[in-house]
Structure formats: structure tokens, C-alpha cells
Amino acid sequence: MHPKDALGRYGERIAARCLADAGLELLDQNWRCPRGEIDIVARDGGVLVICEVKTRSSLAFGAPVEAIGFVKAQRLRSLGLQWLADHPGHWDSVRFDVVSVLKRTTGPAQVRYLRGAF
């Protein structure tokens, strides 16, 4: 596994724990379709949560959350619609969250959970 992939998996494990600790039920992880991937799909009561996880090992290129721009947000919206089409059900609403993970060289990771990020 490439170091970048290992870092991403690390961040996704941290994010899944963060979401579970916040009371969300994890429904899907690393869901893929031909157009892309959703890191985590969860349920928060009647709300479907599409969650993007961004992990970095330093701030040299900015905070992890800064990597999510307009194009990425649009793609996640489209992927969320595809997930809904593939998993029929009733939801009160859909929310897009972000978990930002900064892996430190020592000590625990810095985790920032943004509900309704976009």
C-alpha cells in the first residue's frame, strides 16, 4: 500500500470512530460507482449523511478541509444522488459533512468534524 493510501485509510478509521461517537450509524464505507467514491455514508436519525474525509500529515499545503472545493462538493452531491438511487428508502433530508484529520508525528490526530459543511 502506498503511503498516501495508508494515510487515507488511517483518516477514514479515525473519521468512522468520530461519527460513531457522535451517534451516527454507519451505513457504508468507501462506496464506489463509475463516477467516484463516497468515503462514508451514515444515518443521523432520519437524515442521510454523505461524509467526505480529508487527511493530511502536515499543514504544508493547508488544512485538510481546504482540499474540498466547489468541484469536489458538486461531485459529492452527484455521488449522493447515485447512492440514493441505488439504495431506495425514505430520508427526511440529506446532509454533507466533512471530517478533517491531521495526523501528527506524535500524539493523537487533530480531528475536526464539520456538520453540514456544504
Protein backbone atom coordinates (compact mmCIF):
# COMPACT_ATOMS: atom_id res chain seq x y z
CA MET A 1 0.00 0.00 0.00
CA HIS A 2 1.32 3.44 -0.91
CA PRO A 3 1.97 5.86 1.97
CA LYS A 4 -0.77 8.21 0.67
CA ASP A 5 -3.29 5.35 0.62
CA ALA A 6 -2.26 4.28 4.13
CA LEU A 7 -2.73 7.86 5.36
CA GLY A 8 -6.19 7.98 3.79
CA ARG A 9 -7.22 4.69 5.40
CA TYR A 10 -5.92 5.95 8.74
CA GLY A 11 -8.05 9.08 8.43
CA GLU A 12 -11.13 7.07 7.45
CA ARG A 13 -10.77 4.86 10.55
CA ILE A 14 -10.50 7.97 12.75
CA ALA A 15 -13.48 9.58 10.98
CA ALA A 16 -15.65 6.46 11.33
CA ARG A 17 -14.94 6.40 15.07
CA CYS A 18 -15.67 10.15 15.31
CA LEU A 19 -19.03 9.75 13.58
CA ALA A 20 -19.99 6.71 15.66
CA ASP A 21 -19.04 8.60 18.85
CA ALA A 22 -21.30 11.45 17.66
CA GLY A 23 -24.21 8.99 17.49
CA LEU A 24 -24.35 8.37 13.74
CA GLU A 25 -24.98 4.90 12.35
CA LEU A 26 -22.50 3.95 9.64
CA LEU A 27 -24.25 2.52 6.58
CA ASP A 28 -21.48 2.30 4.00
CA GLN A 29 -17.76 2.98 3.70
CA ASN A 30 -15.75 3.50 0.54
CA TRP A 31 -18.85 3.14 -1.64
CA ARG A 32 -17.84 3.23 -5.29
CA CYS A 33 -19.55 3.70 -8.61
CA PRO A 34 -18.08 4.52 -12.04
CA ARG A 35 -18.16 8.26 -11.25
CA GLY A 36 -16.28 8.15 -7.96
CA GLU A 37 -16.32 7.22 -4.29
CA ILE A 38 -18.10 8.29 -1.12
CA ASP A 39 -15.88 7.83 1.94
CA ILE A 40 -18.66 7.31 4.49
CA VAL A 41 -22.45 7.12 4.30
CA ALA A 42 -24.22 7.33 7.64
CA ARG A 43 -27.60 7.87 9.27
CA ASP A 44 -28.25 10.63 11.79
CA GLY A 45 -31.83 9.91 12.82
CA GLY A 46 -33.87 10.46 9.65
CA VAL A 47 -31.03 12.29 7.92
CA LEU A 48 -28.78 10.62 5.37
CA VAL A 49 -25.22 11.85 5.83
CA ILE A 50 -22.69 11.80 2.99
CA CYS A 51 -19.30 12.33 4.61
CA GLU A 52 -16.03 13.25 2.94
CA VAL A 53 -12.85 12.51 4.88
CA LYS A 54 -9.71 14.54 4.24
CA THR A 55 -6.46 13.54 5.90
CA ARG A 56 -3.06 15.18 5.84
CA SER A 57 0.17 14.67 7.72
CA SER A 58 1.13 18.34 7.77
CA LEU A 59 -0.24 21.80 7.08
CA ALA A 60 2.33 22.49 4.34
CA PHE A 61 -0.46 22.53 1.74
CA GLY A 62 -3.16 23.89 4.06
CA ALA A 63 -5.64 22.27 6.40
CA PRO A 64 -7.23 19.03 5.16
CA VAL A 65 -10.67 20.62 4.83
CA GLU A 66 -9.25 23.21 2.41
CA ALA A 67 -8.88 20.44 -0.19
CA ILE A 68 -12.65 20.41 -0.71
CA GLY A 69 -13.55 22.98 -3.30
CA PHE A 70 -16.60 23.67 -5.41
CA VAL A 71 -15.90 20.89 -7.94
CA LYS A 72 -15.39 18.25 -5.22
CA ALA A 73 -18.59 19.36 -3.45
CA GLN A 74 -20.54 19.12 -6.72
CA ARG A 75 -19.17 15.64 -7.37
CA LEU A 76 -20.15 14.51 -3.86
CA ARG A 77 -23.67 15.84 -4.40
CA SER A 78 -23.89 13.83 -7.61
CA LEU A 79 -22.50 10.73 -5.91
CA GLY A 80 -25.02 11.18 -3.09
CA LEU A 81 -27.84 11.15 -5.64
CA GLN A 82 -26.42 7.97 -7.16
CA TRP A 83 -26.18 6.32 -3.72
CA LEU A 84 -29.83 7.23 -3.08
CA ALA A 85 -30.85 5.75 -6.44
CA ASP A 86 -29.00 2.52 -5.63
CA HIS A 87 -30.39 2.33 -2.05
CA PRO A 88 -34.09 3.23 -2.12
CA GLY A 89 -35.53 4.39 1.15
CA HIS A 90 -37.10 7.33 2.90
CA TRP A 91 -34.99 10.14 4.31
CA ASP A 92 -36.12 13.38 5.92
CA SER A 93 -33.14 15.14 4.34
CA VAL A 94 -29.59 14.69 3.12
CA ARG A 95 -26.59 16.38 4.73
CA PHE A 96 -23.00 16.66 3.56
CA ASP A 97 -20.42 16.50 6.35
CA VAL A 98 -16.63 16.63 6.37
CA VAL A 99 -14.20 15.08 8.80
CA SER A 100 -10.77 16.70 8.65
CA VAL A 101 -7.91 14.65 10.13
CA LEU A 102 -4.41 15.98 10.72
CA LYS A 103 -2.05 13.15 11.65
CA ARG A 104 0.65 14.42 13.95
CA THR A 105 4.12 12.96 14.27
CA THR A 106 3.47 12.50 18.00
CA GLY A 107 0.27 12.35 19.96
CA PRO A 108 -3.29 11.93 18.79
CA ALA A 109 -4.59 13.19 15.48
CA GLN A 110 -6.31 16.56 15.32
CA VAL A 111 -9.89 15.88 14.21
CA ARG A 112 -12.40 18.48 13.09
CA TYR A 113 -15.97 17.41 12.34
CA LEU A 114 -18.00 19.80 10.19
CA ARG A 115 -21.72 19.02 10.04
CA GLY A 116 -23.47 20.44 7.00
CA ALA A 117 -20.17 21.58 5.50
CA PHE A 118 -21.72 22.30 2.09
